[in-house]
Amino acid sequence: MDQPSSFMMTEAFSIDYTDSGKESRKPLEHFHDSYELAFFIRADIDIFVKDTKYRIQDGDLLLINAYDLHRIFYNPNHEYTRYVIQFKESFINELTQTLQLGQLIHKLQHQQNKKISLTIKQRVKLEEIFRNIVNLRKKLQFRHDDFTLEPALKLHLLLLLMEYDKLSDLRRNLRKLNPTENQVHDIIRYIDEHYDEAIQLDDLTAQFGKSKYYISHLFREVTRFTFVEYVQYRRVIEAQKKLLQTDKSIIDIGMECGFQSLQHFYRVFKKISKQTPAAYRKENK
């Protein structure tokens, strides 16, 4: 890989607007503990998200689930302008429960194709909502005495998610994977189901009837990750969840996530998370 992936702890809510023209941008790879909704005004990029590769162009909308590893490749000859919202479900949980929309996030999380290509009319409508959210966020940073701003911000976010859901339902002709992507999709699904075991390339050879060389080459060609790198990220992602959501010992968590020794767990976890499991739990729980 061009550079190590990184894990990002995020706020309950944030929004960012970038208009960087045609400046050169290095491939970016990371994952974080929040959902990400990106609206690309101008873009020509490839994004690999967990087990799917998306070609992103002007007017596309993309949702990325929390903890889904994603890698972005930029076209330096194309302008890059986009809004990105990161939010945790807890930020709007009370509002969705009050409005009886508790299943909305679950529905969005489990839909297969998370990219929507918008029409001109839809782009205008969505960009207005994003601009309103940016303005509300700015006001909230300076006008702490206005108790209406945060509810308004949450309502706008929920409105945006409901619009995304409606547009998704209008596009039931889900993107069809080509044969190569289908094979990688099946490999990643297998890894997701067996990451807590001593999984090796030999296991994939037996499972899919292909040589180790073929599987290794195909996997890297599509995902830009080696088999070992992806397994390590998958294990660390699950370990992070367990460190924050349970009181289990660090060694038990490491073993449950497929690491064969505490030393190996610490080494891989620190390489990806930039801190030890103990420090991660202490700072974030």
C-alpha atoms as a PDB file:
ATOM      1  CA  MET A   1       0.000   0.000   0.000  1.00  0.00           C
ATOM      2  CA  ASP A   2       1.134   3.574  -0.581  1.00  0.00           C
ATOM      3  CA  GLN A   3       0.668   4.582   3.038  1.00  0.00           C
ATOM      4  CA  PRO A   4      -0.616   2.929   6.228  1.00  0.00           C
ATOM      5  CA  SER A   5      -4.340   3.045   6.879  1.00  0.00           C
ATOM      6  CA  SER A   6      -5.458   4.906   9.968  1.00  0.00           C
ATOM      7  CA  PHE A   7      -8.338   4.686  12.397  1.00  0.00           C
ATOM      8  CA  MET A   8     -10.140   7.920  13.207  1.00  0.00           C
ATOM      9  CA  MET A   9     -12.076   8.650  16.362  1.00  0.00           C
ATOM     10  CA  THR A  10     -14.768  11.140  15.392  1.00  0.00           C
ATOM     11  CA  GLU A  11     -17.165  13.560  17.029  1.00  0.00           C
ATOM     12  CA  ALA A  12     -20.846  12.753  17.385  1.00  0.00           C
ATOM     13  CA  PHE A  13     -21.380  15.016  14.384  1.00  0.00           C
ATOM     14  CA  SER A  14     -19.188  16.937  11.957  1.00  0.00           C
ATOM     15  CA  ILE A  15     -19.451  18.367   8.461  1.00  0.00           C
ATOM     16  CA  ASP A  16     -16.667  19.373   6.107  1.00  0.00           C
ATOM     17  CA  TYR A  17     -16.700  21.187   2.770  1.00  0.00           C
ATOM     18  CA  THR A  18     -13.700  20.864   0.451  1.00  0.00           C
ATOM     19  CA  ASP A  19     -13.097  22.710  -2.805  1.00  0.00           C
ATOM     20  CA  SER A  20      -9.517  21.860  -3.750  1.00  0.00           C
ATOM     21  CA  GLY A  21      -9.523  22.341  -7.506  1.00  0.00           C
ATOM     22  CA  LYS A  22      -7.114  20.066  -9.336  1.00  0.00           C
ATOM     23  CA  GLU A  23      -4.436  19.857  -6.669  1.00  0.00           C
ATOM     24  CA  SER A  24      -2.631  16.535  -6.372  1.00  0.00           C
ATOM     25  CA  ARG A  25      -4.021  14.285  -3.650  1.00  0.00           C
ATOM     26  CA  LYS A  26      -2.410  11.056  -2.447  1.00  0.00           C
ATOM     27  CA  PRO A  27      -4.497   7.885  -2.079  1.00  0.00           C
ATOM     28  CA  LEU A  28      -6.266   7.958   1.267  1.00  0.00           C
ATOM     29  CA  GLU A  29      -7.247   4.948   3.319  1.00  0.00           C
ATOM     30  CA  HIS A  30      -8.855   4.862   6.741  1.00  0.00           C
ATOM     31  CA  PHE A  31     -11.860   3.819   8.795  1.00  0.00           C
ATOM     32  CA  HIS A  32     -13.717   5.502  11.616  1.00  0.00           C
ATOM     33  CA  ASP A  33     -16.326   4.960  14.303  1.00  0.00           C
ATOM     34  CA  SER A  34     -19.065   6.967  12.600  1.00  0.00           C
ATOM     35  CA  TYR A  35     -21.215   6.885   9.496  1.00  0.00           C
ATOM     36  CA  GLU A  36     -20.084   9.018   6.586  1.00  0.00           C
ATOM     37  CA  LEU A  37     -22.353  10.620   4.011  1.00  0.00           C
ATOM     38  CA  ALA A  38     -20.488  12.286   1.147  1.00  0.00           C
ATOM     39  CA  PHE A  39     -21.968  14.457  -1.584  1.00  0.00           C
ATOM     40  CA  PHE A  40     -19.571  14.975  -4.490  1.00  0.00           C
ATOM     41  CA  ILE A  41     -20.181  18.221  -6.394  1.00  0.00           C
ATOM     42  CA  ARG A  42     -17.200  17.643  -8.684  1.00  0.00           C
ATOM     43  CA  ALA A  43     -15.183  14.446  -8.562  1.00  0.00           C
ATOM     44  CA  ASP A  44     -13.608  11.663 -10.573  1.00  0.00           C
ATOM     45  CA  ILE A  45     -12.368   9.124  -8.042  1.00  0.00           C
ATOM     46  CA  ASP A  46     -12.440   5.419  -7.213  1.00  0.00           C
ATOM     47  CA  ILE A  47     -13.429   4.351  -3.709  1.00  0.00           C
ATOM     48  CA  PHE A  48     -13.102   0.813  -2.397  1.00  0.00           C
ATOM     49  CA  VAL A  49     -15.466   0.355   0.585  1.00  0.00           C
ATOM     50  CA  LYS A  50     -15.231  -2.955   2.459  1.00  0.00           C
ATOM     51  CA  ASP A  51     -16.109  -5.317  -0.420  1.00  0.00           C
ATOM     52  CA  THR A  52     -17.280  -2.953  -3.173  1.00  0.00           C
ATOM     53  CA  LYS A  53     -15.507  -0.620  -5.573  1.00  0.00           C
ATOM     54  CA  TYR A  54     -17.379   2.560  -6.547  1.00  0.00           C
ATOM     55  CA  ARG A  55     -16.603   4.933  -9.386  1.00  0.00           C
ATOM     56  CA  ILE A  56     -17.543   8.377  -8.088  1.00  0.00           C
ATOM     57  CA  GLN A  57     -18.278  11.261 -10.424  1.00  0.00           C
ATOM     58  CA  ASP A  58     -20.002  14.670 -10.363  1.00  0.00           C
ATOM     59  CA  GLY A  59     -23.307  14.589  -8.483  1.00  0.00           C
ATOM     60  CA  ASP A  60     -22.847  11.259  -6.677  1.00  0.00           C
ATOM     61  CA  LEU A  61     -23.961  10.596  -3.113  1.00  0.00           C
ATOM     62  CA  LEU A  62     -22.269   7.863  -1.058  1.00  0.00           C
ATOM     63  CA  LEU A  63     -22.935   6.429   2.404  1.00  0.00           C
ATOM     64  CA  ILE A  64     -20.184   4.575   4.274  1.00  0.00           C
ATOM     65  CA  ASN A  65     -20.969   2.531   7.372  1.00  0.00           C
ATOM     66  CA  ALA A  66     -19.109   2.975  10.637  1.00  0.00           C
ATOM     67  CA  TYR A  67     -15.920   0.857  10.798  1.00  0.00           C
ATOM     68  CA  ASP A  68     -15.976   0.066   7.061  1.00  0.00           C
ATOM     69  CA  LEU A  69     -12.437   0.292   5.733  1.00  0.00           C
ATOM     70  CA  HIS A  70     -12.272   2.491   2.646  1.00  0.00           C
ATOM     71  CA  ARG A  71      -9.551   3.598   0.248  1.00  0.00           C
ATOM     72  CA  ILE A  72      -9.786   6.544  -2.149  1.00  0.00           C
ATOM     73  CA  PHE A  73      -7.897   7.107  -5.403  1.00  0.00           C
ATOM     74  CA  TYR A  74      -8.035  10.619  -6.859  1.00  0.00           C
ATOM     75  CA  ASN A  75      -7.799  11.795 -10.452  1.00  0.00           C
ATOM     76  CA  PRO A  76      -5.363  14.775 -10.345  1.00  0.00           C
ATOM     77  CA  ASN A  77      -6.743  16.118 -13.634  1.00  0.00           C
ATOM     78  CA  HIS A  78     -10.260  16.612 -12.315  1.00  0.00           C
ATOM     79  CA  GLU A  79     -11.582  19.203  -9.891  1.00  0.00           C
ATOM     80  CA  TYR A  80     -12.552  17.916  -6.468  1.00  0.00           C
ATOM     81  CA  THR A  81     -15.386  19.519  -4.491  1.00  0.00           C
ATOM     82  CA  ARG A  82     -17.459  17.717  -1.917  1.00  0.00           C
ATOM     83  CA  TYR A  83     -19.375  17.819   1.374  1.00  0.00           C
ATOM     84  CA  VAL A  84     -18.732  15.111   3.975  1.00  0.00           C
ATOM     85  CA  ILE A  85     -20.885  14.522   7.039  1.00  0.00           C
ATOM     86  CA  GLN A  86     -19.749  12.160   9.772  1.00  0.00           C
ATOM     87  CA  PHE A  87     -22.255  11.235  12.444  1.00  0.00           C
ATOM     88  CA  LYS A  88     -22.842   8.635  15.101  1.00  0.00           C
ATOM     89  CA  GLU A  89     -26.223   7.009  15.420  1.00  0.00           C
ATOM     90  CA  SER A  90     -26.430   8.251  19.011  1.00  0.00           C
ATOM     91  CA  PHE A  91     -26.483  11.848  17.721  1.00  0.00           C
ATOM     92  CA  ILE A  92     -29.999  11.468  16.292  1.00  0.00           C
ATOM     93  CA  ASN A  93     -31.156   8.376  18.166  1.00  0.00           C
ATOM     94  CA  GLU A  94     -33.582  10.234  20.433  1.00  0.00           C
ATOM     95  CA  LEU A  95     -35.074  12.075  17.463  1.00  0.00           C
ATOM     96  CA  THR A  96     -35.522   8.952  15.331  1.00  0.00           C
ATOM     97  CA  GLN A  97     -37.182   7.143  18.243  1.00  0.00           C
ATOM     98  CA  THR A  98     -39.542  10.055  18.871  1.00  0.00           C
ATOM     99  CA  LEU A  99     -40.543  10.146  15.199  1.00  0.00           C
ATOM    100  CA  GLN A 100     -40.807   6.329  15.045  1.00  0.00           C
ATOM    101  CA  LEU A 101     -37.954   6.129  12.534  1.00  0.00           C
ATOM    102  CA  GLY A 102     -35.824   3.799  14.606  1.00  0.00           C
ATOM    103  CA  GLN A 103     -35.306   1.382  11.692  1.00  0.00           C
ATOM    104  CA  LEU A 104     -34.030   4.009   9.263  1.00  0.00           C
ATOM    105  CA  ILE A 105     -30.325   3.714  10.096  1.00  0.00           C
ATOM    106  CA  HIS A 106     -30.563  -0.074  10.167  1.00  0.00           C
ATOM    107  CA  LYS A 107     -32.135  -0.066   6.715  1.00  0.00           C
ATOM    108  CA  LEU A 108     -29.491   2.243   5.269  1.00  0.00           C
ATOM    109  CA  GLN A 109     -26.698   0.266   6.884  1.00  0.00           C
ATOM    110  CA  HIS A 110     -27.740  -3.010   5.284  1.00  0.00           C
ATOM    111  CA  GLN A 111     -28.608  -1.925   1.781  1.00  0.00           C
ATOM    112  CA  GLN A 112     -26.298  -3.318  -0.864  1.00  0.00           C
ATOM    113  CA  ASN A 113     -25.493  -0.406  -3.154  1.00  0.00           C
ATOM    114  CA  LYS A 114     -24.713   2.773  -1.241  1.00  0.00           C
ATOM    115  CA  LYS A 115     -23.965   5.081  -4.175  1.00  0.00           C
ATOM    116  CA  ILE A 116     -26.674   7.224  -5.755  1.00  0.00           C
ATOM    117  CA  SER A 117     -26.143   9.228  -8.955  1.00  0.00           C
ATOM    118  CA  LEU A 118     -28.318  12.315  -8.771  1.00  0.00           C
ATOM    119  CA  THR A 119     -30.155  14.221 -11.453  1.00  0.00           C
ATOM    120  CA  ILE A 120     -29.577  17.979 -11.766  1.00  0.00           C
ATOM    121  CA  LYS A 121     -32.834  18.702  -9.908  1.00  0.00           C
ATOM    122  CA  GLN A 122     -31.909  16.306  -7.112  1.00  0.00           C
ATOM    123  CA  ARG A 123     -28.418  17.832  -6.834  1.00  0.00           C
ATOM    124  CA  VAL A 124     -29.869  21.313  -6.328  1.00  0.00           C
ATOM    125  CA  LYS A 125     -32.196  20.060  -3.582  1.00  0.00           C
ATOM    126  CA  LEU A 126     -29.493  18.080  -1.786  1.00  0.00           C
ATOM    127  CA  GLU A 127     -26.903  20.839  -1.974  1.00  0.00           C
ATOM    128  CA  GLU A 128     -29.325  23.255  -0.328  1.00  0.00           C
ATOM    129  CA  ILE A 129     -29.752  20.852   2.611  1.00  0.00           C
ATOM    130  CA  PHE A 130     -25.978  20.437   2.927  1.00  0.00           C
ATOM    131  CA  ARG A 131     -25.463  24.221   2.869  1.00  0.00           C
ATOM    132  CA  ASN A 132     -28.098  24.661   5.563  1.00  0.00           C
ATOM    133  CA  ILE A 133     -26.337  22.090   7.717  1.00  0.00           C
ATOM    134  CA  VAL A 134     -23.001  23.889   7.260  1.00  0.00           C
ATOM    135  CA  ASN A 135     -24.584  27.184   8.320  1.00  0.00           C
ATOM    136  CA  LEU A 136     -26.300  25.645  11.344  1.00  0.00           C
ATOM    137  CA  ARG A 137     -23.044  24.033  12.433  1.00  0.00           C
ATOM    138  CA  LYS A 138     -21.209  27.371  12.204  1.00  0.00           C
ATOM    139  CA  LYS A 139     -23.902  29.143  14.223  1.00  0.00           C
ATOM    140  CA  LEU A 140     -23.843  26.409  16.846  1.00  0.00           C
ATOM    141  CA  GLN A 141     -20.118  26.976  17.409  1.00  0.00           C
ATOM    142  CA  PHE A 142     -20.588  30.635  18.293  1.00  0.00           C
ATOM    143  CA  ARG A 143     -24.153  31.019  19.572  1.00  0.00           C
ATOM    144  CA  HIS A 144     -24.269  28.711  22.578  1.00  0.00           C
ATOM    145  CA  ASP A 145     -27.277  30.531  24.018  1.00  0.00           C
ATOM    146  CA  ASP A 146     -29.568  29.548  21.128  1.00  0.00           C
ATOM    147  CA  PHE A 147     -31.173  26.273  22.218  1.00  0.00           C
ATOM    148  CA  THR A 148     -32.943  25.816  18.851  1.00  0.00           C
ATOM    149  CA  LEU A 149     -29.786  25.315  16.783  1.00  0.00           C
ATOM    150  CA  GLU A 150     -28.855  21.763  17.769  1.00  0.00           C
ATOM    151  CA  PRO A 151     -32.405  20.373  17.286  1.00  0.00           C
ATOM    152  CA  ALA A 152     -32.515  22.137  13.906  1.00  0.00           C
ATOM    153  CA  LEU A 153     -29.185  20.563  12.974  1.00  0.00           C
ATOM    154  CA  LYS A 154     -30.456  17.100  13.902  1.00  0.00           C
ATOM    155  CA  LEU A 155     -33.664  17.639  11.969  1.00  0.00           C
ATOM    156  CA  HIS A 156     -31.740  18.647   8.857  1.00  0.00           C
ATOM    157  CA  LEU A 157     -29.509  15.579   9.154  1.00  0.00           C
ATOM    158  CA  LEU A 158     -32.549  13.346   9.530  1.00  0.00           C
ATOM    159  CA  LEU A 159     -34.177  15.051   6.550  1.00  0.00           C
ATOM    160  CA  LEU A 160     -31.043  14.349   4.526  1.00  0.00           C
ATOM    161  CA  LEU A 161     -31.031  10.664   5.522  1.00  0.00           C
ATOM    162  CA  MET A 162     -34.723  10.336   4.682  1.00  0.00           C
ATOM    163  CA  GLU A 163     -34.035  11.890   1.269  1.00  0.00           C
ATOM    164  CA  TYR A 164     -31.176   9.447   0.739  1.00  0.00           C
ATOM    165  CA  ASP A 165     -33.474   6.576   1.678  1.00  0.00           C
ATOM    166  CA  LYS A 166     -36.158   7.764  -0.741  1.00  0.00           C
ATOM    167  CA  LEU A 167     -33.654   8.095  -3.589  1.00  0.00           C
ATOM    168  CA  SER A 168     -32.306   4.626  -2.808  1.00  0.00           C
ATOM    169  CA  ASP A 169     -35.776   3.142  -3.098  1.00  0.00           C
ATOM    170  CA  LEU A 170     -36.179   4.800  -6.483  1.00  0.00           C
ATOM    171  CA  ARG A 171     -33.091   2.961  -7.713  1.00  0.00           C
ATOM    172  CA  ARG A 172     -33.935  -0.628  -7.082  1.00  0.00           C
ATOM    173  CA  ASN A 173     -31.887  -1.698 -10.069  1.00  0.00           C
ATOM    174  CA  LEU A 174     -28.881  -2.345  -7.861  1.00  0.00           C
ATOM    175  CA  ARG A 175     -25.442  -2.114  -9.360  1.00  0.00           C
ATOM    176  CA  LYS A 176     -24.396  -5.466 -10.762  1.00  0.00           C
ATOM    177  CA  LEU A 177     -20.907  -6.643  -9.914  1.00  0.00           C
ATOM    178  CA  ASN A 178     -18.739  -7.974 -12.709  1.00  0.00           C
ATOM    179  CA  PRO A 179     -17.448 -11.575 -12.347  1.00  0.00           C
ATOM    180  CA  THR A 180     -14.102 -10.453 -10.912  1.00  0.00           C
ATOM    181  CA  GLU A 181     -15.709  -8.212  -8.300  1.00  0.00           C
ATOM    182  CA  ASN A 182     -18.145 -11.009  -7.447  1.00  0.00           C
ATOM    183  CA  GLN A 183     -15.258 -13.344  -6.639  1.00  0.00           C
ATOM    184  CA  VAL A 184     -13.607 -10.764  -4.386  1.00  0.00           C
ATOM    185  CA  HIS A 185     -16.961 -10.018  -2.753  1.00  0.00           C
ATOM    186  CA  ASP A 186     -17.284 -13.723  -1.879  1.00  0.00           C
ATOM    187  CA  ILE A 187     -13.701 -13.838  -0.559  1.00  0.00           C
ATOM    188  CA  ILE A 188     -14.286 -10.838   1.705  1.00  0.00           C
ATOM    189  CA  ARG A 189     -17.538 -12.301   2.954  1.00  0.00           C
ATOM    190  CA  TYR A 190     -15.651 -15.499   3.821  1.00  0.00           C
ATOM    191  CA  ILE A 191     -12.987 -13.496   5.683  1.00  0.00           C
ATOM    192  CA  ASP A 192     -15.687 -11.587   7.566  1.00  0.00           C
ATOM    193  CA  GLU A 193     -17.185 -14.882   8.704  1.00  0.00           C
ATOM    194  CA  HIS A 194     -13.847 -16.486   9.695  1.00  0.00           C
ATOM    195  CA  TYR A 195     -11.565 -13.622  10.783  1.00  0.00           C
ATOM    196  CA  ASP A 196     -11.622 -14.975  14.359  1.00  0.00           C
ATOM    197  CA  GLU A 197     -10.034 -18.235  13.202  1.00  0.00           C
ATOM    198  CA  ALA A 198      -6.467 -19.006  12.094  1.00  0.00           C
ATOM    199  CA  ILE A 199      -7.450 -18.236   8.522  1.00  0.00           C
ATOM    200  CA  GLN A 200      -4.836 -18.731   5.773  1.00  0.00           C
ATOM    201  CA  LEU A 201      -4.705 -18.442   1.996  1.00  0.00           C
ATOM    202  CA  ASP A 202      -4.847 -22.239   1.902  1.00  0.00           C
ATOM    203  CA  ASP A 203      -8.340 -22.033   3.395  1.00  0.00           C
ATOM    204  CA  LEU A 204      -9.454 -19.792   0.535  1.00  0.00           C
ATOM    205  CA  THR A 205      -7.883 -22.175  -1.976  1.00  0.00           C
ATOM    206  CA  ALA A 206      -9.921 -25.039  -0.556  1.00  0.00           C
ATOM    207  CA  GLN A 207     -13.066 -22.915  -0.343  1.00  0.00           C
ATOM    208  CA  PHE A 208     -12.995 -21.401  -3.825  1.00  0.00           C
ATOM    209  CA  GLY A 209     -11.004 -23.949  -5.821  1.00  0.00           C
ATOM    210  CA  LYS A 210      -8.442 -21.389  -6.999  1.00  0.00           C
ATOM    211  CA  SER A 211      -4.680 -21.257  -6.522  1.00  0.00           C
ATOM    212  CA  LYS A 212      -3.121 -19.130  -3.795  1.00  0.00           C
ATOM    213  CA  TYR A 213      -1.387 -17.046  -6.457  1.00  0.00           C
ATOM    214  CA  TYR A 214      -4.655 -16.385  -8.293  1.00  0.00           C
ATOM    215  CA  ILE A 215      -6.555 -15.431  -5.124  1.00  0.00           C
ATOM    216  CA  SER A 216      -3.736 -13.243  -3.809  1.00  0.00           C
ATOM    217  CA  HIS A 217      -3.304 -11.447  -7.128  1.00  0.00           C
ATOM    218  CA  LEU A 218      -7.049 -10.982  -7.690  1.00  0.00           C
ATOM    219  CA  PHE A 219      -7.649  -9.720  -4.154  1.00  0.00           C
ATOM    220  CA  ARG A 220      -4.887  -7.120  -4.341  1.00  0.00           C
ATOM    221  CA  GLU A 221      -5.841  -6.044  -7.851  1.00  0.00           C
ATOM    222  CA  VAL A 222      -9.418  -5.241  -6.844  1.00  0.00           C
ATOM    223  CA  THR A 223      -9.001  -4.075  -3.229  1.00  0.00           C
ATOM    224  CA  ARG A 224      -5.390  -2.764  -3.262  1.00  0.00           C
ATOM    225  CA  PHE A 225      -4.876  -4.692  -0.012  1.00  0.00           C
ATOM    226  CA  THR A 226      -2.996  -7.924   0.471  1.00  0.00           C
ATOM    227  CA  PHE A 227      -4.893 -10.802   2.028  1.00  0.00           C
ATOM    228  CA  VAL A 228      -2.884 -10.483   5.262  1.00  0.00           C
ATOM    229  CA  GLU A 229      -3.429  -6.710   5.474  1.00  0.00           C
ATOM    230  CA  TYR A 230      -7.187  -7.027   5.100  1.00  0.00           C
ATOM    231  CA  VAL A 231      -7.429  -9.807   7.713  1.00  0.00           C
ATOM    232  CA  GLN A 232      -5.421  -7.694  10.150  1.00  0.00           C
ATOM    233  CA  TYR A 233      -7.661  -4.650   9.655  1.00  0.00           C
ATOM    234  CA  ARG A 234     -10.774  -6.796  10.032  1.00  0.00           C
ATOM    235  CA  ARG A 235      -9.497  -8.194  13.333  1.00  0.00           C
ATOM    236  CA  VAL A 236      -8.444  -4.810  14.707  1.00  0.00           C
ATOM    237  CA  ILE A 237     -11.807  -3.258  13.817  1.00  0.00           C
ATOM    238  CA  GLU A 238     -13.608  -5.969  15.805  1.00  0.00           C
ATOM    239  CA  ALA A 239     -11.134  -5.652  18.672  1.00  0.00           C
ATOM    240  CA  GLN A 240     -11.786  -1.901  18.869  1.00  0.00           C
ATOM    241  CA  LYS A 241     -15.516  -2.531  19.176  1.00  0.00           C
ATOM    242  CA  LYS A 242     -15.010  -5.099  21.947  1.00  0.00           C
ATOM    243  CA  LEU A 243     -12.603  -2.824  23.846  1.00  0.00           C
ATOM    244  CA  LEU A 244     -15.231  -0.084  23.968  1.00  0.00           C
ATOM    245  CA  GLN A 245     -18.397  -2.167  24.273  1.00  0.00           C
ATOM    246  CA  THR A 246     -17.298  -4.885  26.757  1.00  0.00           C
ATOM    247  CA  ASP A 247     -15.237  -5.254  29.919  1.00  0.00           C
ATOM    248  CA  LYS A 248     -13.434  -8.365  28.686  1.00  0.00           C
ATOM    249  CA  SER A 249      -9.706  -8.601  29.277  1.00  0.00           C
ATOM    250  CA  ILE A 250      -7.377  -7.467  26.517  1.00  0.00           C
ATOM    251  CA  ILE A 251      -5.924 -10.932  26.040  1.00  0.00           C
ATOM    252  CA  ASP A 252      -9.415 -12.464  25.745  1.00  0.00           C
ATOM    253  CA  ILE A 253     -10.394  -9.881  23.147  1.00  0.00           C
ATOM    254  CA  GLY A 254      -7.226 -10.540  21.166  1.00  0.00           C
ATOM    255  CA  MET A 255      -7.851 -14.276  21.137  1.00  0.00           C
ATOM    256  CA  GLU A 256     -11.535 -13.823  20.233  1.00  0.00           C
ATOM    257  CA  CYS A 257     -10.528 -11.696  17.249  1.00  0.00           C
ATOM    258  CA  GLY A 258      -8.175 -14.293  15.798  1.00  0.00           C
ATOM    259  CA  PHE A 259      -4.774 -13.209  17.098  1.00  0.00           C
ATOM    260  CA  GLN A 260      -2.577 -16.110  18.119  1.00  0.00           C
ATOM    261  CA  SER A 261      -0.682 -14.322  20.890  1.00  0.00           C
ATOM    262  CA  LEU A 262      -0.930 -11.199  23.032  1.00  0.00           C
ATOM    263  CA  GLN A 263       2.339  -9.917  21.577  1.00  0.00           C
ATOM    264  CA  HIS A 264       1.039 -10.261  18.021  1.00  0.00           C
ATOM    265  CA  PHE A 265      -2.231  -8.565  19.001  1.00  0.00           C
ATOM    266  CA  TYR A 266      -0.409  -5.592  20.527  1.00  0.00           C
ATOM    267  CA  ARG A 267       1.943  -5.214  17.549  1.00  0.00           C
ATOM    268  CA  VAL A 268      -0.771  -5.284  14.874  1.00  0.00           C
ATOM    269  CA  PHE A 269      -3.222  -3.181  16.902  1.00  0.00           C
ATOM    270  CA  LYS A 270      -0.626  -0.462  17.505  1.00  0.00           C
ATOM    271  CA  LYS A 271       0.427  -0.458  13.841  1.00  0.00           C
ATOM    272  CA  ILE A 272      -3.150   0.235  12.725  1.00  0.00           C
ATOM    273  CA  SER A 273      -4.595   2.220  15.646  1.00  0.00           C
ATOM    274  CA  LYS A 274      -1.393   4.111  16.515  1.00  0.00           C
ATOM    275  CA  GLN A 275      -1.792   3.144  20.186  1.00  0.00           C
ATOM    276  CA  THR A 276      -1.915   0.022  22.318  1.00  0.00           C
ATOM    277  CA  PRO A 277      -5.212  -1.732  23.109  1.00  0.00           C
ATOM    278  CA  ALA A 278      -4.947  -0.583  26.735  1.00  0.00           C
ATOM    279  CA  ALA A 279      -4.399   3.055  25.763  1.00  0.00           C
ATOM    280  CA  TYR A 280      -7.200   2.896  23.202  1.00  0.00           C
ATOM    281  CA  ARG A 281      -9.669   1.592  25.803  1.00  0.00           C
ATOM    282  CA  LYS A 282      -8.558   4.106  28.449  1.00  0.00           C
ATOM    283  CA  GLU A 283      -8.825   7.145  26.169  1.00  0.00           C
ATOM    284  CA  ASN A 284     -12.050   6.279  24.340  1.00  0.00           C
ATOM    285  CA  LYS A 285     -14.305   4.296  26.663  1.00  0.00           C
END
